[in-house]
Protein backbone atom coordinates (compact mmCIF):
# COMPACT_ATOMS: atom_id res chain seq x y z
CA UNK A 1 -93.90 117.43 259.47
CA UNK A 2 -96.80 115.71 260.49
CA UNK A 3 -99.30 118.93 259.48
CA UNK A 4 -97.54 118.42 256.29
CA UNK A 5 -98.07 114.37 255.94
CA UNK A 6 -101.75 114.43 257.45
CA UNK A 7 -102.20 116.85 254.17
CA UNK A 8 -101.21 114.80 251.43
CA UNK A 9 -102.63 112.09 253.37
CA UNK A 10 -105.91 113.11 253.37
CA UNK A 11 -105.74 114.50 249.60
CA UNK A 12 -104.73 111.14 248.15
CA UNK A 13 -107.71 109.27 250.58
CA UNK A 14 -110.12 111.98 249.58
CA UNK A 15 -109.52 111.70 245.63
CA UNK A 16 -109.67 107.86 245.70
CA UNK A 17 -112.61 108.21 247.78
CA UNK A 18 -114.18 110.38 244.98
CA UNK A 19 -113.35 107.89 242.34
CA UNK A 20 -114.75 105.21 244.06
CA UNK A 21 -118.08 107.17 245.09
CA UNK A 22 -118.57 108.86 241.49
CA UNK A 23 -118.81 104.56 240.62
CA UNK A 24 -121.02 103.92 243.02
CA UNK A 25 -123.45 106.99 242.57
CA UNK A 26 -123.51 106.00 238.46
CA UNK A 27 -124.30 102.82 239.18
CA UNK A 28 -127.22 104.09 241.36
CA UNK A 29 -128.60 106.49 239.18
CA UNK A 30 -128.39 104.07 235.97
CA UNK A 31 -130.87 101.44 238.14
CA UNK A 32 -128.04 98.60 238.86
CA UNK A 33 -129.67 98.31 242.24
CA UNK A 34 -133.32 99.08 243.80
CA UNK A 35 -133.12 102.22 242.61
CA UNK A 36 -136.97 102.65 243.67
CA UNK A 37 -136.19 102.44 247.35
CA UNK A 38 -139.21 100.14 247.91
CA UNK A 39 -138.77 98.09 250.94
CA UNK A 40 -139.67 94.96 251.32
CA UNK A 41 -139.74 94.41 254.90
CA UNK A 42 -142.78 94.23 257.74
CA UNK A 43 -143.05 97.94 258.82
CA UNK A 44 -144.64 97.27 262.18
CA UNK A 45 -143.70 100.35 263.81
CA UNK A 46 -145.41 103.83 263.56
CA UNK A 47 -142.95 106.82 262.02
CA UNK A 48 -142.27 109.27 264.63
CA UNK A 49 -143.82 112.75 263.22
CA UNK A 50 -141.74 115.22 262.43
CA UNK A 51 -142.65 118.56 261.78
CA UNK A 52 -140.71 121.96 260.89
CA UNK A 53 -141.76 123.11 264.08
CA UNK A 54 -140.27 119.96 266.47
CA UNK A 55 -137.90 121.72 269.42
CA UNK A 56 -134.12 120.35 268.71
CA UNK A 57 -133.09 117.67 271.33
CA UNK A 58 -129.61 117.76 273.45
CA UNK A 59 -127.28 115.80 271.10
CA UNK A 60 -127.17 113.02 274.20
CA UNK A 61 -124.78 110.55 273.03
CA UNK A 62 -124.94 110.99 269.53
CA UNK A 63 -122.08 111.43 267.30
CA UNK A 64 -121.14 113.89 264.67
CA UNK A 65 -118.93 113.28 261.27
CA UNK A 66 -117.84 115.43 258.14
CA UNK A 67 -116.03 114.19 255.63
CA UNK A 68 -113.00 116.55 255.46
CA UNK A 69 -112.04 118.09 251.86
CA UNK A 70 -109.97 121.45 251.57
CA UNK A 71 -110.48 124.01 249.38
CA UNK A 72 -108.32 126.44 247.03
CA UNK A 73 -105.80 127.17 249.22
CA UNK A 74 -104.88 123.40 250.08
CA UNK A 75 -104.75 123.59 253.71
CA UNK A 76 -106.18 120.61 255.15
CA UNK A 77 -105.14 122.00 258.70
CA UNK A 78 -107.79 124.66 258.47
CA UNK A 79 -110.54 122.79 256.99
CA UNK A 80 -109.93 120.55 259.99
CA UNK A 81 -110.32 123.20 262.57
CA UNK A 82 -113.21 124.41 260.73
CA UNK A 83 -115.03 120.78 261.12
CA UNK A 84 -113.50 120.92 264.68
CA UNK A 85 -115.11 124.04 265.83
CA UNK A 86 -118.71 122.92 264.21
CA UNK A 87 -118.19 119.96 266.90
CA UNK A 88 -117.29 116.92 265.14
CA UNK A 89 -116.53 113.68 267.34
CA UNK A 90 -115.36 111.41 264.13
CA UNK A 91 -113.92 111.32 260.89
CA UNK A 92 -113.46 108.49 258.21
CA UNK A 93 -110.78 106.35 257.02
CA UNK A 94 -110.79 103.72 254.45
CA UNK A 95 -108.16 101.33 253.58
CA UNK A 96 -107.94 98.55 250.64
CA UNK A 97 -106.65 95.23 251.67
CA UNK A 98 -104.30 94.49 248.00
CA UNK A 99 -102.82 97.70 248.91
CA UNK A 100 -101.56 96.80 252.28
CA UNK A 101 -100.96 93.06 251.39
CA UNK A 102 -98.55 93.24 248.52
CA UNK A 103 -97.83 89.73 248.60
CA UNK A 104 -98.98 86.70 250.52
CA UNK A 105 -98.84 87.53 254.69
CA UNK A 106 -96.09 90.74 253.50
CA UNK A 107 -97.77 93.89 254.57
CA UNK A 108 -95.60 96.47 252.27
CA UNK A 109 -97.97 99.09 251.78
CA UNK A 110 -96.33 102.33 249.80
CA UNK A 111 -97.69 104.42 252.71
CA UNK A 112 -98.51 103.63 255.88
CA UNK A 113 -101.91 105.48 255.81
CA UNK A 114 -102.84 103.65 259.27
CA UNK A 115 -99.90 104.69 260.96
CA UNK A 116 -100.41 108.23 259.99
CA UNK A 117 -103.99 108.45 260.85
CA UNK A 118 -103.03 107.02 264.12
CA UNK A 119 -100.48 109.82 265.06
CA UNK A 120 -102.55 112.43 263.84
CA UNK A 121 -105.99 112.04 264.89
CA UNK A 122 -104.96 110.60 267.99
CA UNK A 123 -103.35 113.77 268.85
CA UNK A 124 -106.55 115.84 268.03
CA UNK A 125 -108.93 113.98 269.89
CA UNK A 126 -110.90 112.48 267.15
CA UNK A 127 -112.82 108.91 266.80
CA UNK A 128 -112.11 107.23 263.44
CA UNK A 129 -114.92 105.64 261.56
CA UNK A 130 -112.45 102.75 259.93
CA UNK A 131 -113.72 101.29 256.71
CA UNK A 132 -111.78 98.33 255.20
CA UNK A 133 -112.04 97.84 251.83
CA UNK A 134 -112.66 93.99 250.87
CA UNK A 135 -115.06 95.47 248.29
CA UNK A 136 -115.06 98.82 247.56
CA UNK A 137 -118.17 99.24 245.74
CA UNK A 138 -117.46 97.94 242.09
CA UNK A 139 -114.73 96.51 243.08
CA UNK A 140 -113.02 93.09 245.29
CA UNK A 141 -110.05 94.50 246.62
CA UNK A 142 -107.87 91.50 246.86
CA UNK A 143 -104.54 90.42 246.83
CA UNK A 144 -103.79 89.26 243.36
CA UNK A 145 -103.39 85.41 244.40
CA UNK A 146 -106.71 85.46 246.19
CA UNK A 147 -108.79 87.29 243.21
CA UNK A 148 -110.51 83.89 241.84
CA UNK A 149 -111.31 82.53 245.39
CA UNK A 150 -114.86 82.81 246.54
CA UNK A 151 -114.94 84.42 249.99
CA UNK A 152 -115.81 82.11 252.05
CA UNK A 153 -112.38 80.22 250.87
CA UNK A 154 -110.31 79.31 254.41
CA UNK A 155 -107.65 80.64 253.25
CA UNK A 156 -109.38 84.00 252.29
CA UNK A 157 -110.98 84.18 255.61
CA UNK A 158 -107.06 83.48 257.43
CA UNK A 159 -105.37 86.17 255.60
CA UNK A 160 -108.05 88.83 256.28
CA UNK A 161 -107.96 87.76 260.21
CA UNK A 162 -104.04 88.36 259.85
CA UNK A 163 -104.37 91.42 258.00
CA UNK A 164 -106.74 92.80 260.95
CA UNK A 165 -103.86 91.74 263.55
CA UNK A 166 -101.53 94.06 261.25
CA UNK A 167 -103.91 97.05 261.42
CA UNK A 168 -104.30 96.68 265.10
CA UNK A 169 -100.73 96.64 265.33
CA UNK A 170 -100.99 100.24 263.11
CA UNK A 171 -103.77 102.10 265.41
CA UNK A 172 -103.03 101.46 269.24
CA UNK A 173 -103.81 105.04 269.93
CA UNK A 174 -107.02 105.51 267.72
CA UNK A 175 -110.01 105.61 268.88
CA UNK A 176 -112.30 103.71 266.77
CA UNK A 177 -116.43 104.36 266.51
CA UNK A 178 -117.08 101.59 263.69
CA UNK A 179 -115.41 99.23 261.67
CA UNK A 180 -117.13 98.49 258.33
CA UNK A 181 -115.63 95.08 256.44
CA UNK A 182 -116.21 96.54 252.72
CA UNK A 183 -117.82 99.44 251.39
CA UNK A 184 -121.12 99.80 249.43
CA UNK A 185 -120.76 95.61 249.19
CA UNK A 186 -124.39 95.82 247.75
CA UNK A 187 -123.57 97.04 244.37
CA UNK A 188 -120.60 94.43 243.90
CA UNK A 189 -122.48 91.42 245.70
CA UNK A 190 -125.66 91.94 243.01
CA UNK A 191 -126.20 88.62 242.01
CA UNK A 192 -122.95 86.99 242.97
CA UNK A 193 -121.24 85.44 245.95
CA UNK A 194 -123.94 86.85 248.44
CA UNK A 195 -123.29 83.53 250.52
CA UNK A 196 -120.04 83.42 250.42
CA UNK A 197 -119.47 86.95 251.52
CA UNK A 198 -122.04 86.41 253.99
CA UNK A 199 -119.88 83.34 255.53
CA UNK A 200 -116.73 85.40 255.18
CA UNK A 201 -118.01 88.55 257.21
CA UNK A 202 -119.70 86.34 259.86
CA UNK A 203 -116.08 84.60 260.48
CA UNK A 204 -113.92 87.91 260.24
CA UNK A 205 -116.40 89.54 262.23
CA UNK A 206 -115.32 87.63 265.14
CA UNK A 207 -111.97 88.53 265.02
CA UNK A 208 -112.70 91.93 264.74
CA UNK A 209 -114.60 91.80 267.74
CA UNK A 210 -111.89 89.84 269.45
CA UNK A 211 -109.37 92.64 268.37
CA UNK A 212 -111.88 95.60 269.27
CA UNK A 213 -114.59 94.70 271.40
CA UNK A 214 -116.10 97.59 272.44
CA UNK A 215 -116.15 98.80 268.36
CA UNK A 216 -119.59 98.07 266.58
CA UNK A 217 -118.73 95.85 263.39
CA UNK A 218 -120.66 96.06 260.64
CA UNK A 219 -120.92 96.49 256.01
CA UNK A 220 -121.35 99.44 254.78
CA UNK A 221 -124.40 99.51 252.25
CA UNK A 222 -126.26 101.58 250.40
CA UNK A 223 -129.45 103.22 251.09
CA UNK A 224 -130.79 101.96 247.99
CA UNK A 225 -130.34 98.34 248.28
CA UNK A 226 -130.63 98.00 251.95
CA UNK A 227 -134.42 99.36 251.18
CA UNK A 228 -134.85 97.96 247.47
CA UNK A 229 -134.30 94.97 245.75
CA UNK A 230 -131.15 93.93 247.60
CA UNK A 231 -132.90 94.04 250.78
CA UNK A 232 -133.05 90.70 251.89
CA UNK A 233 -129.68 89.71 251.08
CA UNK A 234 -128.60 92.60 253.03
CA UNK A 235 -131.02 91.62 255.77
CA UNK A 236 -129.20 88.13 256.00
CA UNK A 237 -125.88 89.54 255.65
CA UNK A 238 -126.38 92.16 258.76
CA UNK A 239 -127.58 89.45 261.14
CA UNK A 240 -124.48 89.39 262.86
CA UNK A 241 -123.76 93.33 262.44
CA UNK A 242 -123.45 95.28 265.47
CA UNK A 243 -125.01 97.76 263.86
CA UNK A 244 -126.36 98.87 260.22
CA UNK A 245 -123.77 101.25 258.31
CA UNK A 246 -125.57 103.33 255.37
CA UNK A 247 -124.60 105.49 252.55
CA UNK A 248 -127.41 108.21 251.86
CA UNK A 249 -127.81 110.20 248.98
CA UNK A 250 -131.40 111.18 247.88
CA UNK A 251 -131.25 111.49 243.99
CA UNK A 252 -133.44 110.46 241.29
CA UNK A 253 -132.67 108.79 237.97
CA UNK A 254 -131.13 112.17 235.89
CA UNK A 255 -129.30 113.44 239.10
CA UNK A 256 -131.84 115.58 240.48
CA UNK A 257 -132.63 115.71 243.97
CA UNK A 258 -135.47 114.54 245.74
CA UNK A 259 -136.85 117.33 247.81
CA UNK A 260 -135.49 117.89 251.01
CA UNK A 261 -137.86 116.54 253.68
CA UNK A 262 -137.69 113.22 251.51
CA UNK A 263 -135.02 112.45 254.40
CA UNK A 264 -137.66 112.50 257.27
CA UNK A 265 -139.67 109.54 255.12
CA UNK A 266 -136.61 107.87 254.71
CA UNK A 267 -135.35 107.71 258.28
CA UNK A 268 -138.77 106.16 259.17
CA UNK A 269 -138.01 103.72 256.21
CA UNK A 270 -134.35 102.50 257.64
CA UNK A 271 -135.66 102.53 261.40
CA UNK A 272 -139.05 100.53 260.27
CA UNK A 273 -136.49 98.32 258.20
CA UNK A 274 -134.17 97.35 260.73
CA UNK A 275 -136.09 98.28 264.00
CA UNK A 276 -134.37 98.36 267.55
CA UNK A 277 -130.99 98.21 265.37
CA UNK A 278 -128.40 100.96 265.82
CA UNK A 279 -127.95 103.11 262.03
CA UNK A 280 -124.70 104.69 261.11
CA UNK A 281 -125.07 107.31 258.36
CA UNK A 282 -121.62 106.65 257.36
CA UNK A 283 -121.95 108.68 254.05
CA UNK A 284 -124.77 111.41 253.78
CA UNK A 285 -124.91 114.26 251.57
CA UNK A 286 -127.10 116.42 248.98
CA UNK A 287 -125.37 118.78 245.85
CA UNK A 288 -126.23 122.76 245.88
CA UNK A 289 -126.18 122.72 241.96
CA UNK A 290 -128.71 124.27 239.41
CA UNK A 291 -127.54 121.10 237.66
CA UNK A 292 -129.40 119.09 240.01
CA UNK A 293 -132.57 121.34 240.06
CA UNK A 294 -131.33 122.46 243.64
CA UNK A 295 -130.04 125.59 245.19
CA UNK A 296 -128.06 126.76 248.20
CA UNK A 297 -131.43 127.23 249.95
CA UNK A 298 -132.35 123.53 249.15
CA UNK A 299 -129.05 121.99 250.72
CA UNK A 300 -129.20 124.04 253.74
CA UNK A 301 -133.07 123.07 254.27
CA UNK A 302 -131.49 119.59 253.57
CA UNK A 303 -129.45 119.97 256.53
CA UNK A 304 -132.21 121.01 258.65
CA UNK A 305 -134.65 118.24 257.92
CA UNK A 306 -131.72 115.95 258.56
CA UNK A 307 -131.21 117.26 262.29
CA UNK A 308 -135.11 117.37 262.78
CA UNK A 309 -135.40 113.38 261.46
CA UNK A 310 -132.41 112.63 263.74
CA UNK A 311 -133.75 114.00 266.68
CA UNK A 312 -137.10 111.81 265.92
CA UNK A 313 -134.60 108.87 265.78
CA UNK A 314 -132.00 110.04 268.03
CA UNK A 315 -132.07 106.53 270.12
CA UNK A 316 -131.28 104.51 267.06
CA UNK A 317 -129.46 106.96 264.37
CA UNK A 318 -126.01 106.92 266.44
CA UNK A 319 -124.07 109.19 263.52
CA UNK A 320 -124.11 110.95 260.99
CA UNK A 321 -121.28 111.79 258.44
CA UNK A 322 -122.12 114.69 256.47
CA UNK A 323 -120.14 114.93 252.57
CA UNK A 324 -118.44 117.15 251.93
CA UNK A 325 -116.83 120.06 253.90
CA UNK A 326 -115.63 121.60 250.79
CA UNK A 327 -116.11 121.50 246.92
CA UNK A 328 -113.85 119.55 245.16
CA UNK A 329 -111.89 121.50 242.69
CA UNK A 330 -113.62 121.82 239.34
CA UNK A 331 -110.69 121.05 237.54
CA UNK A 332 -111.15 117.41 239.06
CA UNK A 333 -114.44 117.39 238.05
CA UNK A 334 -113.19 117.44 234.34
CA UNK A 335 -110.66 114.87 234.94
CA UNK A 336 -113.85 112.89 236.23
CA UNK A 337 -116.00 113.33 233.26
CA UNK A 338 -112.95 112.71 230.85
CA UNK A 339 -112.24 109.55 232.73
CA UNK A 340 -115.57 108.13 232.86
CA UNK A 341 -116.50 109.45 229.03
CA UNK A 342 -119.74 111.13 230.51
CA UNK A 343 -120.21 114.83 229.57
CA UNK A 344 -123.80 115.18 231.72
CA UNK A 345 -124.66 118.56 233.45
CA UNK A 346 -126.48 117.06 236.47
CA UNK A 347 -123.34 114.52 236.86
CA UNK A 348 -120.54 117.00 237.04
CA UNK A 349 -122.99 119.72 239.00
CA UNK A 350 -123.30 117.01 241.35
CA UNK A 351 -119.66 115.48 242.16
CA UNK A 352 -119.37 119.93 242.18
CA UNK A 353 -121.50 121.10 244.26
CA UNK A 354 -122.10 118.48 246.86
CA UNK A 355 -119.66 120.04 249.82
CA UNK A 356 -121.12 122.47 252.32
CA UNK A 357 -118.52 124.84 251.56
CA UNK A 358 -117.45 126.63 248.16
CA UNK A 359 -113.98 125.48 246.73
CA UNK A 360 -112.99 129.50 246.99
CA UNK A 361 -113.19 129.06 250.68
CA UNK A 362 -116.91 130.50 251.70
CA UNK A 363 -119.38 129.04 253.84
CA UNK A 364 -122.72 128.25 251.94
CA UNK A 365 -126.28 128.34 253.52
CA UNK A 366 -125.95 124.73 254.58
CA UNK A 367 -122.44 125.20 256.31
CA UNK A 368 -124.23 127.64 258.30
CA UNK A 369 -127.29 125.91 259.21
CA UNK A 370 -125.13 122.86 259.81
CA UNK A 371 -123.05 125.17 262.67
CA UNK A 372 -126.76 126.60 263.59
CA UNK A 373 -128.38 123.03 264.16
CA UNK A 374 -125.21 121.29 265.93
CA UNK A 375 -125.06 124.93 268.24
CA UNK A 376 -128.74 124.31 269.55
CA UNK A 377 -128.25 120.71 270.26
CA UNK A 378 -124.84 121.84 272.36
CA UNK A 379 -122.62 120.15 270.25
């Protein structure tokens, strides 16, 4: 029964994540915020050189995560076992404030995903990166009666702290590796309420630390936001963060990929932007589709280059979560095209080929590369 419940749970979560993720990519691709990726900070540290001949370094304290999606057979347990065999330490979980607090101080979610995840992941010795979506990319996920209030309103802060109390009760056995208060907040906050959200975040993070004193608390933002036009605002927002939480997909504005080795310089860039701060890549991916001017070989090379970059910054990059384990259903890609009214070959190719394995349950070269790279580092 537990296996069936978690399958249903994971399917719904990943479908919702695709929607939010799709919106995020669209906004980034059409230059809503800082797509040039040009950083504004002082760059005082020198990049650590990385070459194709670099010797793999033991994993040390680094943590590996894969966003688990299942293939055509819909067997989540099998997909989870594949990820576990690679050596994952962590997986992802996102919850939405407005879906949990259904009326003021009343917590009545349609399904208690927190309790389900607590049972499954604790039983499988898997930690969780938890995102609590106050903001989810383009939307504020607030209870209806708070929708028109500024983020720094005292009642907003108190109600969120109450939500944290509720969440803590639901996950007594869950090991948390990070807590993100908001998902890709830079996209929603562009041009509005930066200071209000910063005040809100600083206030509620204090209570989060009281509940989970050993868990890093931060805010998930896009790589382009952190290194581009929102860089100064995010730098201020992250002053109180324990770590910098990043989503990273190296694409051009037409959905074609940048070269795989771009990850090397991008890791240098974010490292220089936040020297001596822990970095968590909570989403990182690269499509393999022809429509993105990519291939399985390029995707595999991106995986290899990512591990080289990680070795170079292993003291700073604490976790990487690869998206996704398996390509999504082609019918789902069409559904999202209709949903957004977009007919774009690069867009559909991107959504349909981001997985490390095919929807028909076959390993891509990228999955083989991931296995090889983790084995080299004794995961």
